[in-house]
Amino acid sequence: MAEERKVVSRETQAKHWDASDQSLLSATLMATPTQRIAWLEETLQLAYASGALKPRRILTQEEWDAMGSSSL
């Protein structure tokens, strides 16, 4: 059986660090990949709707091919 280790930190958190910050951090670290993708999709929709991101245009096959053919 693995022995339990107690982690003790002597560092103190900044004065603005509170329970809601800890809850957000815990929720973020515990999010499943599906939840993270959903969050990313919502964030991108908001960014496009607000104008923070501009929609990209689709590359033609010729443009795509030109990007891949580089002389090293």
N, C-alpha and C. Protein backbone atom coordinates (compact mmCIF):
# COMPACT_ATOMS: atom_id res chain seq x y z
N MET A 1 0.84 -1.18 0.00
CA MET A 1 0.00 0.00 0.00
C MET A 1 0.89 1.25 0.00
N ALA A 2 0.57 2.20 -0.85
CA ALA A 2 1.37 3.41 -0.96
C ALA A 2 1.20 4.26 0.29
N GLU A 3 2.31 4.84 0.70
CA GLU A 3 2.20 5.67 1.90
C GLU A 3 1.68 7.06 1.53
N GLU A 4 0.88 7.60 2.41
CA GLU A 4 0.29 8.92 2.16
C GLU A 4 1.30 10.00 2.54
N ARG A 5 1.38 10.98 1.70
CA ARG A 5 2.27 12.10 1.98
C ARG A 5 1.44 13.35 2.17
N LYS A 6 1.78 14.09 3.17
CA LYS A 6 1.08 15.34 3.44
C LYS A 6 1.93 16.47 2.87
N VAL A 7 1.36 17.23 1.98
CA VAL A 7 2.08 18.34 1.37
C VAL A 7 1.81 19.59 2.18
N VAL A 8 2.87 20.17 2.65
CA VAL A 8 2.74 21.39 3.44
C VAL A 8 3.50 22.48 2.72
N SER A 9 2.82 23.56 2.42
CA SER A 9 3.45 24.68 1.74
C SER A 9 3.64 25.80 2.74
N ARG A 10 4.82 26.32 2.77
CA ARG A 10 5.11 27.44 3.67
C ARG A 10 4.87 28.77 2.97
N GLU A 11 4.55 28.70 1.69
CA GLU A 11 4.27 29.92 0.93
C GLU A 11 2.84 30.36 1.20
N THR A 12 2.66 31.64 1.31
CA THR A 12 1.31 32.18 1.50
C THR A 12 0.81 32.73 0.18
N GLN A 13 -0.48 32.63 -0.02
CA GLN A 13 -1.09 33.15 -1.24
C GLN A 13 -1.19 34.67 -1.16
N ALA A 14 -1.27 35.28 -2.30
CA ALA A 14 -1.44 36.73 -2.35
C ALA A 14 -2.73 37.12 -1.66
N LYS A 15 -2.81 38.36 -1.21
CA LYS A 15 -3.98 38.80 -0.45
C LYS A 15 -5.28 38.69 -1.25
N HIS A 16 -5.21 38.81 -2.57
CA HIS A 16 -6.43 38.74 -3.38
C HIS A 16 -6.87 37.30 -3.63
N TRP A 17 -6.09 36.33 -3.25
CA TRP A 17 -6.43 34.91 -3.45
C TRP A 17 -7.51 34.54 -2.45
N ASP A 18 -8.63 34.05 -2.96
CA ASP A 18 -9.71 33.67 -2.05
C ASP A 18 -10.35 32.36 -2.50
N ALA A 19 -11.42 31.98 -1.82
CA ALA A 19 -12.06 30.69 -2.09
C ALA A 19 -12.58 30.60 -3.52
N SER A 20 -13.09 31.69 -4.07
CA SER A 20 -13.62 31.63 -5.43
C SER A 20 -12.50 31.39 -6.43
N ASP A 21 -11.32 31.97 -6.18
CA ASP A 21 -10.17 31.71 -7.04
C ASP A 21 -9.77 30.25 -6.96
N GLN A 22 -9.77 29.71 -5.75
CA GLN A 22 -9.42 28.31 -5.56
C GLN A 22 -10.42 27.40 -6.25
N SER A 23 -11.71 27.75 -6.16
CA SER A 23 -12.75 26.96 -6.81
C SER A 23 -12.58 26.96 -8.33
N LEU A 24 -12.27 28.13 -8.89
CA LEU A 24 -12.06 28.23 -10.33
C LEU A 24 -10.86 27.39 -10.75
N LEU A 25 -9.79 27.48 -10.00
CA LEU A 25 -8.60 26.69 -10.31
C LEU A 25 -8.92 25.20 -10.24
N SER A 26 -9.60 24.78 -9.20
CA SER A 26 -9.96 23.36 -9.05
C SER A 26 -10.84 22.89 -10.19
N ALA A 27 -11.85 23.69 -10.54
CA ALA A 27 -12.76 23.32 -11.63
C ALA A 27 -12.01 23.23 -12.95
N THR A 28 -11.08 24.15 -13.18
CA THR A 28 -10.31 24.15 -14.41
C THR A 28 -9.44 22.90 -14.52
N LEU A 29 -8.79 22.56 -13.43
CA LEU A 29 -7.90 21.40 -13.45
C LEU A 29 -8.65 20.08 -13.52
N MET A 30 -9.89 20.06 -13.06
CA MET A 30 -10.68 18.84 -13.04
C MET A 30 -11.55 18.67 -14.28
N ALA A 31 -11.56 19.66 -15.18
CA ALA A 31 -12.40 19.59 -16.37
C ALA A 31 -11.97 18.44 -17.27
N THR A 32 -12.96 17.77 -17.83
CA THR A 32 -12.69 16.68 -18.77
C THR A 32 -12.33 17.27 -20.13
N PRO A 33 -11.71 16.50 -21.00
CA PRO A 33 -11.42 17.01 -22.35
C PRO A 33 -12.67 17.50 -23.08
N THR A 34 -13.79 16.81 -22.90
CA THR A 34 -15.04 17.24 -23.54
C THR A 34 -15.48 18.61 -23.02
N GLN A 35 -15.35 18.82 -21.72
CA GLN A 35 -15.71 20.11 -21.13
C GLN A 35 -14.77 21.21 -21.61
N ARG A 36 -13.50 20.89 -21.76
CA ARG A 36 -12.54 21.89 -22.23
C ARG A 36 -12.82 22.29 -23.68
N ILE A 37 -13.18 21.30 -24.51
CA ILE A 37 -13.53 21.60 -25.91
C ILE A 37 -14.78 22.46 -25.97
N ALA A 38 -15.79 22.13 -25.15
CA ALA A 38 -17.02 22.93 -25.12
C ALA A 38 -16.71 24.37 -24.71
N TRP A 39 -15.85 24.54 -23.72
CA TRP A 39 -15.47 25.88 -23.28
C TRP A 39 -14.76 26.63 -24.41
N LEU A 40 -13.85 25.94 -25.10
CA LEU A 40 -13.13 26.56 -26.20
C LEU A 40 -14.07 27.00 -27.32
N GLU A 41 -15.04 26.14 -27.65
CA GLU A 41 -16.00 26.49 -28.70
C GLU A 41 -16.82 27.71 -28.32
N GLU A 42 -17.28 27.77 -27.06
CA GLU A 42 -18.05 28.93 -26.60
C GLU A 42 -17.20 30.19 -26.62
N THR A 43 -15.94 30.06 -26.23
CA THR A 43 -15.04 31.21 -26.22
C THR A 43 -14.79 31.72 -27.63
N LEU A 44 -14.60 30.80 -28.57
CA LEU A 44 -14.39 31.21 -29.95
C LEU A 44 -15.63 31.88 -30.54
N GLN A 45 -16.81 31.35 -30.22
CA GLN A 45 -18.05 31.98 -30.70
C GLN A 45 -18.16 33.40 -30.17
N LEU A 46 -17.85 33.60 -28.90
CA LEU A 46 -17.90 34.93 -28.32
C LEU A 46 -16.88 35.85 -28.99
N ALA A 47 -15.68 35.33 -29.23
CA ALA A 47 -14.64 36.15 -29.85
C ALA A 47 -15.02 36.57 -31.27
N TYR A 48 -15.61 35.65 -32.04
CA TYR A 48 -16.05 36.00 -33.39
C TYR A 48 -17.22 36.99 -33.33
N ALA A 49 -18.18 36.76 -32.43
CA ALA A 49 -19.35 37.63 -32.33
C ALA A 49 -18.97 39.04 -31.90
N SER A 50 -17.96 39.16 -31.05
CA SER A 50 -17.56 40.48 -30.56
C SER A 50 -16.61 41.20 -31.51
N GLY A 51 -16.10 40.47 -32.49
CA GLY A 51 -15.16 41.07 -33.43
C GLY A 51 -13.71 40.97 -32.98
N ALA A 52 -13.47 40.30 -31.84
CA ALA A 52 -12.10 40.15 -31.36
C ALA A 52 -11.29 39.26 -32.30
N LEU A 53 -11.96 38.31 -32.95
CA LEU A 53 -11.32 37.48 -33.97
C LEU A 53 -12.03 37.68 -35.29
N LYS A 54 -11.26 37.73 -36.33
CA LYS A 54 -11.83 37.84 -37.68
C LYS A 54 -11.92 36.44 -38.28
N PRO A 55 -13.02 36.15 -38.97
CA PRO A 55 -13.14 34.83 -39.61
C PRO A 55 -12.03 34.64 -40.64
N ARG A 56 -11.51 33.44 -40.70
CA ARG A 56 -10.47 33.13 -41.68
C ARG A 56 -11.12 32.64 -42.96
N ARG A 57 -10.46 32.87 -44.04
CA ARG A 57 -10.98 32.36 -45.30
C ARG A 57 -10.39 30.99 -45.57
N ILE A 58 -11.09 30.21 -46.32
CA ILE A 58 -10.63 28.87 -46.66
C ILE A 58 -9.57 28.97 -47.74
N LEU A 59 -8.47 28.25 -47.55
CA LEU A 59 -7.40 28.23 -48.53
C LEU A 59 -7.78 27.36 -49.72
N THR A 60 -7.33 27.79 -50.87
CA THR A 60 -7.52 26.95 -52.06
C THR A 60 -6.48 25.83 -52.02
N GLN A 61 -6.68 24.81 -52.84
CA GLN A 61 -5.73 23.70 -52.89
C GLN A 61 -4.36 24.20 -53.33
N GLU A 62 -4.32 25.15 -54.24
CA GLU A 62 -3.05 25.68 -54.73
C GLU A 62 -2.30 26.41 -53.60
N GLU A 63 -3.03 27.20 -52.82
CA GLU A 63 -2.40 27.91 -51.71
C GLU A 63 -1.86 26.92 -50.66
N TRP A 64 -2.65 25.88 -50.38
CA TRP A 64 -2.23 24.86 -49.42
C TRP A 64 -0.96 24.16 -49.90
N ASP A 65 -0.96 23.78 -51.17
CA ASP A 65 0.20 23.09 -51.74
C ASP A 65 1.45 23.99 -51.71
N ALA A 66 1.25 25.29 -51.99
CA ALA A 66 2.37 26.22 -51.99
C ALA A 66 2.97 26.37 -50.60
N MET A 67 2.15 26.29 -49.57
CA MET A 67 2.65 26.41 -48.20
C MET A 67 3.51 25.20 -47.82
N GLY A 68 3.18 24.05 -48.34
CA GLY A 68 3.89 22.84 -47.98
C GLY A 68 5.17 22.61 -48.74
N SER A 69 5.31 23.25 -49.87
CA SER A 69 6.51 23.02 -50.69
C SER A 69 7.53 24.14 -50.44
N SER A 70 8.40 23.89 -49.48
CA SER A 70 9.45 24.85 -49.21
C SER A 70 10.79 24.23 -49.55
N SER A 71 11.68 25.03 -50.03
CA SER A 71 13.02 24.52 -50.36
C SER A 71 13.91 24.74 -49.15
N LEU A 72 14.45 23.65 -48.63
CA LEU A 72 15.31 23.73 -47.43
C LEU A 72 16.75 23.80 -47.81
